[in-house]
Amino acid sequence: MQNSSSCSGQYNIYPGFSLEEGVIAAGYVALAECIAHHPMVIIDGYGGVNWQACHEFLNQALIERGVRARWIDVQSALSGGFCPSPEACLGRKRHYCTPI
């Protein structure tokens, strides 16, 4: 859906974009199918998300597809897993996930 009432170059508070059929999927199974063949995936999002539940459900969906994932929690990485302190990591390129 595209909002045709906006003029080019003007801010549109109701933007809309056309999507092809089947571009958006829902659920951990669909996400696992999408990422299963990639050697590295970084998942980022809002801090208020229950990341432990996301990890458990997505990991199970990956296991069911024969994918063994290595998970790295960024919070752990910043508190000593990869860096001596969060301050030491600032400004460095960060890699959070690696293939097994």
PDB file of N, CA and C in Angstrom:
ATOM      1  N   MET A   1       0.851  -1.169   0.000  1.00  0.00           N
ATOM      2  CA  MET A   1       0.000   0.000   0.000  1.00  0.00           C
ATOM      3  C   MET A   1       0.892   1.226   0.000  1.00  0.00           C
ATOM      4  N   GLN A   2       0.693   2.085  -0.903  1.00  0.00           N
ATOM      5  CA  GLN A   2       1.481   3.294  -0.979  1.00  0.00           C
ATOM      6  C   GLN A   2       0.562   4.501  -0.877  1.00  0.00           C
ATOM      7  N   ASN A   3       0.938   5.443  -0.049  1.00  0.00           N
ATOM      8  CA  ASN A   3       0.160   6.649   0.138  1.00  0.00           C
ATOM      9  C   ASN A   3       0.533   7.620  -0.972  1.00  0.00           C
ATOM     10  N   SER A   4      -0.382   7.848  -1.878  1.00  0.00           N
ATOM     11  CA  SER A   4      -0.090   8.702  -3.037  1.00  0.00           C
ATOM     12  C   SER A   4      -0.347  10.172  -2.769  1.00  0.00           C
ATOM     13  N   SER A   5      -0.796  10.521  -1.559  1.00  0.00           N
ATOM     14  CA  SER A   5      -1.130  11.911  -1.286  1.00  0.00           C
ATOM     15  C   SER A   5       0.098  12.762  -0.945  1.00  0.00           C
ATOM     16  N   SER A   6       1.263  12.132  -0.769  1.00  0.00           N
ATOM     17  CA  SER A   6       2.443  12.924  -0.418  1.00  0.00           C
ATOM     18  C   SER A   6       3.149  13.422  -1.669  1.00  0.00           C
ATOM     19  N   CYS A   7       3.719  14.593  -1.553  1.00  0.00           N
ATOM     20  CA  CYS A   7       4.494  15.168  -2.647  1.00  0.00           C
ATOM     21  C   CYS A   7       5.954  14.788  -2.462  1.00  0.00           C
ATOM     22  N   SER A   8       6.644  14.649  -3.555  1.00  0.00           N
ATOM     23  CA  SER A   8       8.056  14.309  -3.510  1.00  0.00           C
ATOM     24  C   SER A   8       8.824  15.367  -2.734  1.00  0.00           C
ATOM     25  N   GLY A   9       9.706  14.900  -1.813  1.00  0.00           N
ATOM     26  CA  GLY A   9      10.518  15.830  -1.045  1.00  0.00           C
ATOM     27  C   GLY A   9       9.864  16.339   0.221  1.00  0.00           C
ATOM     28  N   GLN A  10       8.620  15.964   0.488  1.00  0.00           N
ATOM     29  CA  GLN A  10       7.946  16.405   1.702  1.00  0.00           C
ATOM     30  C   GLN A  10       7.815  15.229   2.665  1.00  0.00           C
ATOM     31  N   TYR A  11       7.903  15.516   3.952  1.00  0.00           N
ATOM     32  CA  TYR A  11       7.775  14.491   4.983  1.00  0.00           C
ATOM     33  C   TYR A  11       6.353  13.940   4.987  1.00  0.00           C
ATOM     34  N   ASN A  12       6.249  12.620   5.033  1.00  0.00           N
ATOM     35  CA  ASN A  12       4.953  11.954   5.050  1.00  0.00           C
ATOM     36  C   ASN A  12       4.790  11.229   6.376  1.00  0.00           C
ATOM     37  N   ILE A  13       3.826  11.647   7.191  1.00  0.00           N
ATOM     38  CA  ILE A  13       3.635  10.998   8.484  1.00  0.00           C
ATOM     39  C   ILE A  13       2.913   9.657   8.357  1.00  0.00           C
ATOM     40  N   TYR A  14       2.419   9.337   7.174  1.00  0.00           N
ATOM     41  CA  TYR A  14       1.756   8.053   6.926  1.00  0.00           C
ATOM     42  C   TYR A  14       2.406   7.349   5.735  1.00  0.00           C
ATOM     43  N   PRO A  15       3.681   6.973   5.865  1.00  0.00           N
ATOM     44  CA  PRO A  15       4.326   6.327   4.715  1.00  0.00           C
ATOM     45  C   PRO A  15       3.760   4.935   4.485  1.00  0.00           C
ATOM     46  N   GLY A  16       3.796   4.505   3.274  1.00  0.00           N
ATOM     47  CA  GLY A  16       3.347   3.160   2.928  1.00  0.00           C
ATOM     48  C   GLY A  16       4.194   2.622   1.801  1.00  0.00           C
ATOM     49  N   PHE A  17       4.381   1.317   1.784  1.00  0.00           N
ATOM     50  CA  PHE A  17       5.223   0.700   0.779  1.00  0.00           C
ATOM     51  C   PHE A  17       4.571  -0.577   0.286  1.00  0.00           C
ATOM     52  N   SER A  18       4.706  -0.831  -0.983  1.00  0.00           N
ATOM     53  CA  SER A  18       4.157  -2.046  -1.568  1.00  0.00           C
ATOM     54  C   SER A  18       5.069  -3.223  -1.264  1.00  0.00           C
ATOM     55  N   LEU A  19       4.477  -4.365  -0.988  1.00  0.00           N
ATOM     56  CA  LEU A  19       5.235  -5.596  -0.757  1.00  0.00           C
ATOM     57  C   LEU A  19       4.698  -6.683  -1.667  1.00  0.00           C
ATOM     58  N   GLU A  20       5.612  -7.511  -2.130  1.00  0.00           N
ATOM     59  CA  GLU A  20       5.194  -8.659  -2.927  1.00  0.00           C
ATOM     60  C   GLU A  20       4.534  -9.691  -2.020  1.00  0.00           C
ATOM     61  N   GLU A  21       3.732 -10.534  -2.582  1.00  0.00           N
ATOM     62  CA  GLU A  21       3.070 -11.616  -1.852  1.00  0.00           C
ATOM     63  C   GLU A  21       4.125 -12.545  -1.254  1.00  0.00           C
ATOM     64  N   GLY A  22       3.964 -12.933   0.013  1.00  0.00           N
ATOM     65  CA  GLY A  22       4.853 -13.888   0.655  1.00  0.00           C
ATOM     66  C   GLY A  22       6.153 -13.320   1.193  1.00  0.00           C
ATOM     67  N   VAL A  23       6.311 -12.004   1.213  1.00  0.00           N
ATOM     68  CA  VAL A  23       7.547 -11.393   1.696  1.00  0.00           C
ATOM     69  C   VAL A  23       7.615 -11.413   3.225  1.00  0.00           C
ATOM     70  N   ILE A  24       6.491 -11.260   3.875  1.00  0.00           N
ATOM     71  CA  ILE A  24       6.445 -11.247   5.332  1.00  0.00           C
ATOM     72  C   ILE A  24       5.945 -12.603   5.816  1.00  0.00           C
ATOM     73  N   ALA A  25       6.640 -13.136   6.818  1.00  0.00           N
ATOM     74  CA  ALA A  25       6.252 -14.414   7.412  1.00  0.00           C
ATOM     75  C   ALA A  25       6.171 -14.218   8.920  1.00  0.00           C
ATOM     76  N   ALA A  26       5.579 -15.174   9.604  1.00  0.00           N
ATOM     77  CA  ALA A  26       5.436 -15.075  11.050  1.00  0.00           C
ATOM     78  C   ALA A  26       5.865 -16.364  11.718  1.00  0.00           C
ATOM     79  N   GLY A  27       6.470 -16.229  12.876  1.00  0.00           N
ATOM     80  CA  GLY A  27       6.800 -17.389  13.690  1.00  0.00           C
ATOM     81  C   GLY A  27       8.263 -17.806  13.624  1.00  0.00           C
ATOM     82  N   TYR A  28       8.638 -18.590  14.623  1.00  0.00           N
ATOM     83  CA  TYR A  28      10.020 -19.056  14.732  1.00  0.00           C
ATOM     84  C   TYR A  28      10.374 -20.057  13.643  1.00  0.00           C
ATOM     85  N   VAL A  29       9.424 -20.877  13.228  1.00  0.00           N
ATOM     86  CA  VAL A  29       9.681 -21.849  12.163  1.00  0.00           C
ATOM     87  C   VAL A  29      10.029 -21.121  10.868  1.00  0.00           C
ATOM     88  N   ALA A  30       9.262 -20.096  10.528  1.00  0.00           N
ATOM     89  CA  ALA A  30       9.529 -19.328   9.310  1.00  0.00           C
ATOM     90  C   ALA A  30      10.878 -18.624   9.403  1.00  0.00           C
ATOM     91  N   LEU A  31      11.210 -18.079  10.568  1.00  0.00           N
ATOM     92  CA  LEU A  31      12.494 -17.420  10.750  1.00  0.00           C
ATOM     93  C   LEU A  31      13.635 -18.429  10.628  1.00  0.00           C
ATOM     94  N   ALA A  32      13.468 -19.596  11.234  1.00  0.00           N
ATOM     95  CA  ALA A  32      14.497 -20.641  11.155  1.00  0.00           C
ATOM     96  C   ALA A  32      14.720 -21.066   9.710  1.00  0.00           C
ATOM     97  N   GLU A  33      13.642 -21.223   8.948  1.00  0.00           N
ATOM     98  CA  GLU A  33      13.781 -21.603   7.544  1.00  0.00           C
ATOM     99  C   GLU A  33      14.515 -20.526   6.755  1.00  0.00           C
ATOM    100  N   CYS A  34      14.293 -19.283   7.110  1.00  0.00           N
ATOM    101  CA  CYS A  34      14.921 -18.159   6.412  1.00  0.00           C
ATOM    102  C   CYS A  34      16.418 -18.070   6.708  1.00  0.00           C
ATOM    103  N   ILE A  35      16.817 -18.336   7.942  1.00  0.00           N
ATOM    104  CA  ILE A  35      18.217 -18.127   8.328  1.00  0.00           C
ATOM    105  C   ILE A  35      19.054 -19.399   8.364  1.00  0.00           C
ATOM    106  N   ALA A  36      18.441 -20.561   8.225  1.00  0.00           N
ATOM    107  CA  ALA A  36      19.142 -21.840   8.407  1.00  0.00           C
ATOM    108  C   ALA A  36      20.343 -22.024   7.493  1.00  0.00           C
ATOM    109  N   HIS A  37      20.353 -21.431   6.321  1.00  0.00           N
ATOM    110  CA  HIS A  37      21.430 -21.661   5.360  1.00  0.00           C
ATOM    111  C   HIS A  37      22.500 -20.565   5.371  1.00  0.00           C
ATOM    112  N   HIS A  38      22.378 -19.620   6.285  1.00  0.00           N
ATOM    113  CA  HIS A  38      23.362 -18.542   6.379  1.00  0.00           C
ATOM    114  C   HIS A  38      24.457 -18.931   7.374  1.00  0.00           C
ATOM    115  N   PRO A  39      25.707 -18.644   7.068  1.00  0.00           N
ATOM    116  CA  PRO A  39      26.783 -19.009   7.987  1.00  0.00           C
ATOM    117  C   PRO A  39      26.818 -18.155   9.252  1.00  0.00           C
ATOM    118  N   MET A  40      26.276 -16.939   9.188  1.00  0.00           N
ATOM    119  CA  MET A  40      26.259 -16.066  10.346  1.00  0.00           C
ATOM    120  C   MET A  40      25.031 -15.173  10.292  1.00  0.00           C
ATOM    121  N   VAL A  41      24.348 -15.053  11.430  1.00  0.00           N
ATOM    122  CA  VAL A  41      23.167 -14.204  11.526  1.00  0.00           C
ATOM    123  C   VAL A  41      23.279 -13.400  12.813  1.00  0.00           C
ATOM    124  N   ILE A  42      23.003 -12.125  12.720  1.00  0.00           N
ATOM    125  CA  ILE A  42      22.976 -11.267  13.903  1.00  0.00           C
ATOM    126  C   ILE A  42      21.543 -10.804  14.096  1.00  0.00           C
ATOM    127  N   ILE A  43      21.009 -11.071  15.269  1.00  0.00           N
ATOM    128  CA  ILE A  43      19.634 -10.686  15.589  1.00  0.00           C
ATOM    129  C   ILE A  43      19.702  -9.577  16.627  1.00  0.00           C
ATOM    130  N   ASP A  44      19.068  -8.473  16.321  1.00  0.00           N
ATOM    131  CA  ASP A  44      19.113  -7.303  17.174  1.00  0.00           C
ATOM    132  C   ASP A  44      17.685  -6.856  17.436  1.00  0.00           C
ATOM    133  N   GLY A  45      17.461  -6.208  18.545  1.00  0.00           N
ATOM    134  CA  GLY A  45      16.121  -5.720  18.808  1.00  0.00           C
ATOM    135  C   GLY A  45      16.018  -4.992  20.132  1.00  0.00           C
ATOM    136  N   TYR A  46      14.827  -4.631  20.453  1.00  0.00           N
ATOM    137  CA  TYR A  46      14.467  -3.871  21.637  1.00  0.00           C
ATOM    138  C   TYR A  46      14.818  -4.644  22.916  1.00  0.00           C
ATOM    139  N   GLY A  47      15.368  -3.948  23.893  1.00  0.00           N
ATOM    140  CA  GLY A  47      15.761  -4.571  25.156  1.00  0.00           C
ATOM    141  C   GLY A  47      14.618  -5.158  25.956  1.00  0.00           C
ATOM    142  N   GLY A  48      13.393  -4.707  25.712  1.00  0.00           N
ATOM    143  CA  GLY A  48      12.248  -5.212  26.459  1.00  0.00           C
ATOM    144  C   GLY A  48      11.710  -6.544  25.962  1.00  0.00           C
ATOM    145  N   VAL A  49      12.301  -7.072  24.897  1.00  0.00           N
ATOM    146  CA  VAL A  49      11.879  -8.366  24.352  1.00  0.00           C
ATOM    147  C   VAL A  49      12.372  -9.479  25.276  1.00  0.00           C
ATOM    148  N   ASN A  50      11.603 -10.524  25.423  1.00  0.00           N
ATOM    149  CA  ASN A  50      12.029 -11.691  26.193  1.00  0.00           C
ATOM    150  C   ASN A  50      12.988 -12.505  25.316  1.00  0.00           C
ATOM    151  N   TRP A  51      14.263 -12.107  25.315  1.00  0.00           N
ATOM    152  CA  TRP A  51      15.250 -12.730  24.436  1.00  0.00           C
ATOM    153  C   TRP A  51      15.512 -14.180  24.796  1.00  0.00           C
ATOM    154  N   GLN A  52      15.366 -14.533  26.061  1.00  0.00           N
ATOM    155  CA  GLN A  52      15.562 -15.930  26.461  1.00  0.00           C
ATOM    156  C   GLN A  52      14.531 -16.820  25.776  1.00  0.00           C
ATOM    157  N   ALA A  53      13.277 -16.398  25.747  1.00  0.00           N
ATOM    158  CA  ALA A  53      12.232 -17.175  25.075  1.00  0.00           C
ATOM    159  C   ALA A  53      12.491 -17.229  23.571  1.00  0.00           C
ATOM    160  N   CYS A  54      12.878 -16.104  22.977  1.00  0.00           N
ATOM    161  CA  CYS A  54      13.194 -16.087  21.535  1.00  0.00           C
ATOM    162  C   CYS A  54      14.318 -17.066  21.235  1.00  0.00           C
ATOM    163  N   HIS A  55      15.349 -17.046  22.053  1.00  0.00           N
ATOM    164  CA  HIS A  55      16.475 -17.952  21.871  1.00  0.00           C
ATOM    165  C   HIS A  55      16.017 -19.405  21.929  1.00  0.00           C
ATOM    166  N   GLU A  56      15.235 -19.745  22.944  1.00  0.00           N
ATOM    167  CA  GLU A  56      14.787 -21.134  23.115  1.00  0.00           C
ATOM    168  C   GLU A  56      13.924 -21.601  21.942  1.00  0.00           C
ATOM    169  N   PHE A  57      12.943 -20.813  21.545  1.00  0.00           N
ATOM    170  CA  PHE A  57      12.044 -21.219  20.465  1.00  0.00           C
ATOM    171  C   PHE A  57      12.751 -21.273  19.115  1.00  0.00           C
ATOM    172  N   LEU A  58      13.589 -20.267  18.833  1.00  0.00           N
ATOM    173  CA  LEU A  58      14.304 -20.265  17.565  1.00  0.00           C
ATOM    174  C   LEU A  58      15.337 -21.377  17.519  1.00  0.00           C
ATOM    175  N   ASN A  59      16.028 -21.609  18.617  1.00  0.00           N
ATOM    176  CA  ASN A  59      17.012 -22.689  18.661  1.00  0.00           C
ATOM    177  C   ASN A  59      16.345 -24.033  18.410  1.00  0.00           C
ATOM    178  N   GLN A  60      15.186 -24.256  19.004  1.00  0.00           N
ATOM    179  CA  GLN A  60      14.458 -25.513  18.784  1.00  0.00           C
ATOM    180  C   GLN A  60      14.059 -25.662  17.320  1.00  0.00           C
ATOM    181  N   ALA A  61      13.591 -24.596  16.714  1.00  0.00           N
ATOM    182  CA  ALA A  61      13.215 -24.646  15.298  1.00  0.00           C
ATOM    183  C   ALA A  61      14.435 -24.923  14.418  1.00  0.00           C
ATOM    184  N   LEU A  62      15.598 -24.386  14.779  1.00  0.00           N
ATOM    185  CA  LEU A  62      16.820 -24.659  14.022  1.00  0.00           C
ATOM    186  C   LEU A  62      17.260 -26.106  14.200  1.00  0.00           C
ATOM    187  N   ILE A  63      17.199 -26.611  15.421  1.00  0.00           N
ATOM    188  CA  ILE A  63      17.569 -28.008  15.693  1.00  0.00           C
ATOM    189  C   ILE A  63      16.702 -28.948  14.877  1.00  0.00           C
ATOM    190  N   GLU A  64      15.415 -28.656  14.786  1.00  0.00           N
ATOM    191  CA  GLU A  64      14.501 -29.495  14.006  1.00  0.00           C
ATOM    192  C   GLU A  64      14.855 -29.498  12.518  1.00  0.00           C
ATOM    193  N   ARG A  65      15.625 -28.524  12.077  1.00  0.00           N
ATOM    194  CA  ARG A  65      16.086 -28.447  10.684  1.00  0.00           C
ATOM    195  C   ARG A  65      17.527 -28.916  10.549  1.00  0.00           C
ATOM    196  N   GLY A  66      18.065 -29.497  11.607  1.00  0.00           N
ATOM    197  CA  GLY A  66      19.426 -30.020  11.573  1.00  0.00           C
ATOM    198  C   GLY A  66      20.512 -28.966  11.678  1.00  0.00           C
ATOM    199  N   VAL A  67      20.173 -27.798  12.203  1.00  0.00           N
ATOM    200  CA  VAL A  67      21.143 -26.708  12.328  1.00  0.00           C
ATOM    201  C   VAL A  67      21.545 -26.575  13.795  1.00  0.00           C
ATOM    202  N   ARG A  68      22.845 -26.646  14.027  1.00  0.00           N
ATOM    203  CA  ARG A  68      23.379 -26.425  15.371  1.00  0.00           C
ATOM    204  C   ARG A  68      23.952 -25.018  15.407  1.00  0.00           C
ATOM    205  N   ALA A  69      23.371 -24.152  16.210  1.00  0.00           N
ATOM    206  CA  ALA A  69      23.776 -22.750  16.253  1.00  0.00           C
ATOM    207  C   ALA A  69      24.643 -22.469  17.471  1.00  0.00           C
ATOM    208  N   ARG A  70      25.542 -21.547  17.317  1.00  0.00           N
ATOM    209  CA  ARG A  70      26.335 -21.041  18.436  1.00  0.00           C
ATOM    210  C   ARG A  70      25.763 -19.674  18.788  1.00  0.00           C
ATOM    211  N   TRP A  71      25.289 -19.518  20.000  1.00  0.00           N
ATOM    212  CA  TRP A  71      24.641 -18.288  20.429  1.00  0.00           C
ATOM    213  C   TRP A  71      25.581 -17.489  21.315  1.00  0.00           C
ATOM    214  N   ILE A  72      25.627 -16.199  21.079  1.00  0.00           N
ATOM    215  CA  ILE A  72      26.432 -15.309  21.911  1.00  0.00           C
ATOM    216  C   ILE A  72      25.535 -14.169  22.368  1.00  0.00           C
ATOM    217  N   ASP A  73      25.357 -14.078  23.672  1.00  0.00           N
ATOM    218  CA  ASP A  73      24.542 -13.013  24.252  1.00  0.00           C
ATOM    219  C   ASP A  73      25.388 -11.741  24.324  1.00  0.00           C
ATOM    220  N   VAL A  74      24.930 -10.691  23.706  1.00  0.00           N
ATOM    221  CA  VAL A  74      25.696  -9.444  23.642  1.00  0.00           C
ATOM    222  C   VAL A  74      25.946  -8.894  25.040  1.00  0.00           C
ATOM    223  N   GLN A  75      24.971  -8.984  25.904  1.00  0.00           N
ATOM    224  CA  GLN A  75      25.155  -8.474  27.267  1.00  0.00           C
ATOM    225  C   GLN A  75      26.325  -9.182  27.946  1.00  0.00           C
ATOM    226  N   SER A  76      26.419 -10.496  27.771  1.00  0.00           N
ATOM    227  CA  SER A  76      27.546 -11.245  28.334  1.00  0.00           C
ATOM    228  C   SER A  76      28.845 -10.844  27.664  1.00  0.00           C
ATOM    229  N   ALA A  77      28.788 -10.654  26.356  1.00  0.00           N
ATOM    230  CA  ALA A  77      29.993 -10.279  25.611  1.00  0.00           C
ATOM    231  C   ALA A  77      30.530  -8.939  26.092  1.00  0.00           C
ATOM    232  N   LEU A  78      29.648  -7.998  26.344  1.00  0.00           N
ATOM    233  CA  LEU A  78      30.079  -6.673  26.770  1.00  0.00           C
ATOM    234  C   LEU A  78      30.514  -6.637  28.227  1.00  0.00           C
ATOM    235  N   SER A  79      30.113  -7.646  29.002  1.00  0.00           N
ATOM    236  CA  SER A  79      30.491  -7.643  30.418  1.00  0.00           C
ATOM    237  C   SER A  79      31.657  -8.589  30.694  1.00  0.00           C
ATOM    238  N   GLY A  80      32.478  -8.856  29.681  1.00  0.00           N
ATOM    239  CA  GLY A  80      33.673  -9.639  29.931  1.00  0.00           C
ATOM    240  C   GLY A  80      33.878 -10.822  29.012  1.00  0.00           C
ATOM    241  N   GLY A  81      32.857 -11.224  28.262  1.00  0.00           N
ATOM    242  CA  GLY A  81      32.999 -12.378  27.388  1.00  0.00           C
ATOM    243  C   GLY A  81      34.000 -12.152  26.271  1.00  0.00           C
ATOM    244  N   PHE A  82      33.987 -10.995  25.642  1.00  0.00           N
ATOM    245  CA  PHE A  82      34.907 -10.673  24.557  1.00  0.00           C
ATOM    246  C   PHE A  82      35.792  -9.491  24.897  1.00  0.00           C
ATOM    247  N   CYS A  83      35.307  -8.621  25.754  1.00  0.00           N
ATOM    248  CA  CYS A  83      36.023  -7.396  26.050  1.00  0.00           C
ATOM    249  C   CYS A  83      36.253  -7.312  27.555  1.00  0.00           C
ATOM    250  N   PRO A  84      37.346  -6.696  27.979  1.00  0.00           N
ATOM    251  CA  PRO A  84      37.563  -6.550  29.414  1.00  0.00           C
ATOM    252  C   PRO A  84      36.509  -5.679  30.082  1.00  0.00           C
ATOM    253  N   SER A  85      35.930  -4.744  29.316  1.00  0.00           N
ATOM    254  CA  SER A  85      34.862  -3.895  29.847  1.00  0.00           C
ATOM    255  C   SER A  85      34.080  -3.333  28.670  1.00  0.00           C
ATOM    256  N   PRO A  86      32.816  -2.928  28.885  1.00  0.00           N
ATOM    257  CA  PRO A  86      32.061  -2.314  27.785  1.00  0.00           C
ATOM    258  C   PRO A  86      32.785  -1.105  27.205  1.00  0.00           C
ATOM    259  N   GLU A  87      33.485  -0.332  28.052  1.00  0.00           N
ATOM    260  CA  GLU A  87      34.195   0.847  27.581  1.00  0.00           C
ATOM    261  C   GLU A  87      35.307   0.468  26.601  1.00  0.00           C
ATOM    262  N   ALA A  88      35.941  -0.687  26.827  1.00  0.00           N
ATOM    263  CA  ALA A  88      37.031  -1.119  25.956  1.00  0.00           C
ATOM    264  C   ALA A  88      36.529  -1.489  24.565  1.00  0.00           C
ATOM    265  N   CYS A  89      35.252  -1.854  24.461  1.00  0.00           N
ATOM    266  CA  CYS A  89      34.691  -2.260  23.169  1.00  0.00           C
ATOM    267  C   CYS A  89      34.142  -1.086  22.371  1.00  0.00           C
ATOM    268  N   LEU A  90      33.909   0.034  23.017  1.00  0.00           N
ATOM    269  CA  LEU A  90      33.321   1.166  22.317  1.00  0.00           C
ATOM    270  C   LEU A  90      34.217   1.602  21.167  1.00  0.00           C
ATOM    271  N   GLY A  91      33.607   1.807  20.018  1.00  0.00           N
ATOM    272  CA  GLY A  91      34.343   2.248  18.857  1.00  0.00           C
ATOM    273  C   GLY A  91      34.941   1.121  18.038  1.00  0.00           C
ATOM    274  N   ARG A  92      34.921  -0.098  18.550  1.00  0.00           N
ATOM    275  CA  ARG A  92      35.446  -1.228  17.801  1.00  0.00           C
ATOM    276  C   ARG A  92      34.327  -1.885  17.021  1.00  0.00           C
ATOM    277  N   LYS A  93      34.682  -2.487  15.896  1.00  0.00           N
ATOM    278  CA  LYS A  93      33.696  -3.262  15.150  1.00  0.00           C
ATOM    279  C   LYS A  93      33.378  -4.505  15.977  1.00  0.00           C
ATOM    280  N   ARG A  94      32.107  -4.752  16.222  1.00  0.00           N
ATOM    281  CA  ARG A  94      31.721  -5.854  17.085  1.00  0.00           C
ATOM    282  C   ARG A  94      31.120  -6.993  16.283  1.00  0.00           C
ATOM    283  N   HIS A  95      31.533  -8.198  16.584  1.00  0.00           N
ATOM    284  CA  HIS A  95      30.970  -9.398  15.979  1.00  0.00           C
ATOM    285  C   HIS A  95      30.323 -10.193  17.104  1.00  0.00           C
ATOM    286  N   TYR A  96      29.050 -10.455  16.982  1.00  0.00           N
ATOM    287  CA  TYR A  96      28.330 -11.114  18.052  1.00  0.00           C
ATOM    288  C   TYR A  96      28.050 -12.574  17.791  1.00  0.00           C
ATOM    289  N   CYS A  97      28.040 -12.990  16.557  1.00  0.00           N
ATOM    290  CA  CYS A  97      27.694 -14.356  16.248  1.00  0.00           C
ATOM    291  C   CYS A  97      28.730 -14.931  15.287  1.00  0.00           C
ATOM    292  N   THR A  98      29.068 -16.171  15.488  1.00  0.00           N
ATOM    293  CA  THR A  98      30.002 -16.823  14.573  1.00  0.00           C
ATOM    294  C   THR A  98      29.462 -18.207  14.229  1.00  0.00           C
ATOM    295  N   PRO A  99      29.764 -18.677  13.034  1.00  0.00           N
ATOM    296  CA  PRO A  99      29.326 -20.025  12.676  1.00  0.00           C
ATOM    297  C   PRO A  99      30.122 -21.076  13.422  1.00  0.00           C
ATOM    298  N   ILE A 100      29.537 -22.233  13.574  1.00  0.00           N
ATOM    299  CA  ILE A 100      30.250 -23.342  14.237  1.00  0.00           C
ATOM    300  C   ILE A 100      31.105 -24.038  13.217  1.00  0.00           C
TER     301      ILE A 100
END
